[in-house]
Protein backbone atom coordinates (compact mmCIF):
# COMPACT_ATOMS: atom_id res chain seq x y z
CA MET A 1 55.25 48.23 -73.66
CA SER A 2 55.24 50.61 -70.72
CA PHE A 3 52.22 52.70 -69.79
CA LEU A 4 54.05 55.80 -71.07
CA ASP A 5 54.70 54.07 -74.41
CA PHE A 6 51.02 53.17 -74.58
CA CYS A 7 50.05 56.78 -73.83
CA HIS A 8 52.29 58.06 -76.62
CA TRP A 9 50.95 55.43 -79.01
CA ILE A 10 47.26 56.11 -78.34
CA GLU A 11 47.72 59.88 -78.42
CA LYS A 12 49.47 59.66 -81.81
CA SER A 13 46.91 57.17 -83.17
CA PRO A 14 44.28 58.32 -85.66
CA LEU A 15 41.73 58.15 -82.85
CA GLY A 16 43.72 60.38 -80.48
CA ALA A 17 44.75 62.81 -83.19
CA GLY A 18 41.24 62.95 -84.63
CA VAL A 19 39.65 63.85 -81.30
CA ARG A 20 42.40 66.30 -80.37
CA ASP A 21 42.79 68.05 -83.71
CA SER A 22 39.14 68.44 -84.63
CA VAL A 23 37.51 71.78 -84.01
CA TRP A 24 34.28 70.17 -82.82
CA ILE A 25 34.89 66.52 -81.83
CA PHE A 26 36.69 67.19 -78.53
CA PRO A 27 34.10 69.67 -77.20
CA VAL A 28 31.20 67.44 -78.27
CA VAL A 29 32.76 64.35 -76.69
CA GLU A 30 33.55 66.28 -73.52
CA SER A 31 29.99 67.61 -73.37
CA VAL A 32 28.53 64.11 -73.80
CA HIS A 33 30.94 62.89 -71.09
CA ILE A 34 29.62 65.57 -68.73
CA LEU A 35 26.02 64.63 -69.58
CA GLY A 36 26.90 61.04 -68.66
CA ILE A 37 28.29 62.28 -65.34
CA VAL A 38 25.08 64.22 -64.66
CA LEU A 39 22.93 61.20 -65.52
CA LEU A 40 25.01 58.91 -63.31
CA ALA A 41 25.13 61.38 -60.44
CA PHE A 42 21.35 61.71 -60.59
CA THR A 43 20.48 58.02 -60.84
CA ALA A 44 23.15 56.67 -58.48
CA SER A 45 22.49 59.28 -55.82
CA LEU A 46 18.73 58.67 -55.94
CA LEU A 47 19.27 54.95 -55.42
CA ASP A 48 21.99 55.42 -52.79
CA LEU A 49 19.85 57.90 -50.88
CA ARG A 50 16.87 55.51 -51.10
CA LEU A 51 19.00 52.80 -49.51
CA LEU A 52 19.88 55.24 -46.73
CA GLY A 53 16.20 56.09 -46.20
CA LEU A 54 16.74 59.62 -47.47
CA GLY A 55 15.87 61.67 -50.53
CA LEU A 56 12.91 62.11 -52.82
CA LEU A 57 12.23 58.41 -53.30
CA ARG A 58 12.55 57.25 -49.67
CA ARG A 59 8.88 56.20 -49.52
CA ARG A 60 8.89 54.30 -52.82
CA PRO A 61 9.55 50.54 -52.86
CA LEU A 62 13.24 49.77 -53.32
CA ALA A 63 12.50 47.16 -56.00
CA GLU A 64 10.63 49.73 -58.07
CA VAL A 65 13.32 52.40 -57.63
CA SER A 66 16.12 50.02 -58.55
CA ARG A 67 14.22 48.58 -61.54
CA GLN A 68 13.69 52.07 -62.93
CA LEU A 69 17.10 53.59 -62.15
CA LEU A 70 19.67 50.82 -62.60
CA PRO A 71 19.45 50.61 -66.41
CA TRP A 72 20.02 54.37 -66.58
CA ALA A 73 22.94 54.20 -64.14
CA TRP A 74 24.67 51.40 -66.09
CA GLY A 75 23.99 53.21 -69.36
CA ALA A 76 25.57 56.36 -67.91
CA ILE A 77 28.62 54.38 -66.79
CA GLY A 78 28.98 52.93 -70.29
CA LEU A 79 28.62 56.36 -71.88
CA MET A 80 31.22 57.83 -69.52
CA LEU A 81 33.67 55.00 -70.19
CA LEU A 82 33.32 55.37 -73.97
CA THR A 83 33.66 59.15 -74.01
CA GLY A 84 36.36 59.03 -71.33
CA LEU A 85 38.41 56.70 -73.51
CA LEU A 86 38.12 59.16 -76.40
CA LEU A 87 39.17 62.06 -74.18
CA PHE A 88 42.06 60.02 -72.77
CA ALA A 89 43.23 59.07 -76.28
CA SER A 90 43.46 62.73 -77.24
CA GLU A 91 45.67 63.73 -74.28
CA ALA A 92 47.13 60.49 -72.90
CA ALA A 93 50.83 61.40 -72.93
CA SER A 94 50.61 65.18 -73.00
CA LYS A 95 48.24 65.60 -70.04
CA CYS A 96 46.98 62.40 -68.38
CA TYR A 97 50.27 60.55 -67.86
CA GLU A 98 51.77 63.34 -65.76
CA SER A 99 48.57 64.23 -63.91
CA LYS A 100 48.24 62.93 -60.35
CA ALA A 101 44.53 63.71 -60.55
CA PHE A 102 44.23 61.27 -63.48
CA TYR A 103 45.52 58.38 -61.35
CA VAL A 104 43.26 59.36 -58.46
CA LYS A 105 40.30 59.45 -60.85
CA MET A 106 41.13 56.06 -62.37
CA THR A 107 41.52 54.47 -58.93
CA LEU A 108 38.26 55.95 -57.68
CA LEU A 109 36.52 55.02 -60.93
CA ALA A 110 37.58 51.38 -60.62
CA LEU A 111 36.48 51.28 -56.98
CA ALA A 112 33.19 53.05 -57.73
CA ILE A 113 32.33 50.65 -60.58
CA LEU A 114 33.23 47.61 -58.46
CA ASN A 115 31.16 49.01 -55.60
CA ALA A 116 28.26 49.68 -57.99
CA ALA A 117 28.39 46.13 -59.32
CA ILE A 118 28.35 44.65 -55.82
CA LEU A 119 25.68 47.01 -54.53
CA TYR A 120 23.39 46.91 -57.54
CA ILE A 121 23.54 43.12 -57.87
CA ALA A 122 22.70 42.83 -54.16
CA VAL A 123 19.86 45.33 -54.51
CA GLY A 124 18.51 43.40 -57.49
CA ARG A 125 18.48 40.18 -55.46
CA HIS A 126 17.24 41.53 -52.13
CA ALA A 127 15.18 44.63 -52.92
CA GLU A 128 11.95 43.17 -51.58
CA ARG A 129 13.54 42.15 -48.25
CA TRP A 130 15.50 45.40 -47.95
CA ASN A 131 12.49 47.60 -48.68
CA SER A 132 12.01 48.85 -45.13
CA HIS A 133 15.36 48.02 -43.51
CA PRO A 134 18.41 47.65 -45.76
CA PRO A 135 21.31 46.01 -43.90
CA SER A 136 24.17 48.11 -42.60
CA ARG A 137 26.55 46.76 -45.26
CA ALA A 138 24.22 48.04 -48.01
CA LYS A 139 24.12 51.44 -46.35
CA ILE A 140 27.93 51.51 -46.09
CA LEU A 141 28.18 50.67 -49.80
CA ALA A 142 25.65 53.42 -50.59
CA VAL A 143 27.68 55.99 -48.64
CA PHE A 144 30.87 54.80 -50.34
CA SER A 145 29.11 55.13 -53.70
CA LEU A 146 28.17 58.74 -53.04
CA VAL A 147 31.70 59.60 -51.92
CA ALA A 148 33.47 57.65 -54.68
CA TRP A 149 31.42 59.11 -57.55
CA ALA A 150 31.88 62.62 -56.15
CA GLY A 151 35.61 61.90 -55.96
CA VAL A 152 35.62 60.76 -59.60
CA VAL A 153 34.04 64.06 -60.61
CA PHE A 154 36.44 66.20 -58.56
CA ALA A 155 39.51 64.28 -59.69
CA GLY A 156 38.30 64.45 -63.29
CA ARG A 157 38.12 68.22 -63.10
CA GLY A 158 41.54 68.21 -61.47
CA ILE A 159 43.14 66.61 -64.54
CA ALA A 160 43.06 69.98 -66.26
CA TYR A 161 44.93 71.60 -63.39
CA PHE A 162 47.12 69.00 -61.62
């Protein structure tokens, strides 16, 4: 089965048709997806900025910041993946398959999640040692995180237009 065949199948499935054809399901799912984006942008950027020695939490211990924010960040990623799958199912062949922005978003999303896993596992293991001076590699991953998640948001908005 090709990716196009899969897109046609999922869009015609009861899931895709139900989300697409309902008066209220699509806007509610899209709104929850956006709330997930806001939650992730808030939590990930606070942690990334803390690693860079910037932002509101720069004076708080890294272990404390990560312990408080990481569950929210992972929860937001899960929420975005679930709602994103529902949105994709509703427009897989008719909009997503032909959209260059969709492929950019999926690539950035995969890279951002992989980066988050690497960075957040490292932070969990080394937060006490990195409290005052995170290594350069952690700072590079934090910058990449900020850029990648912003790219996911911009590309996601671009799906409607490109």
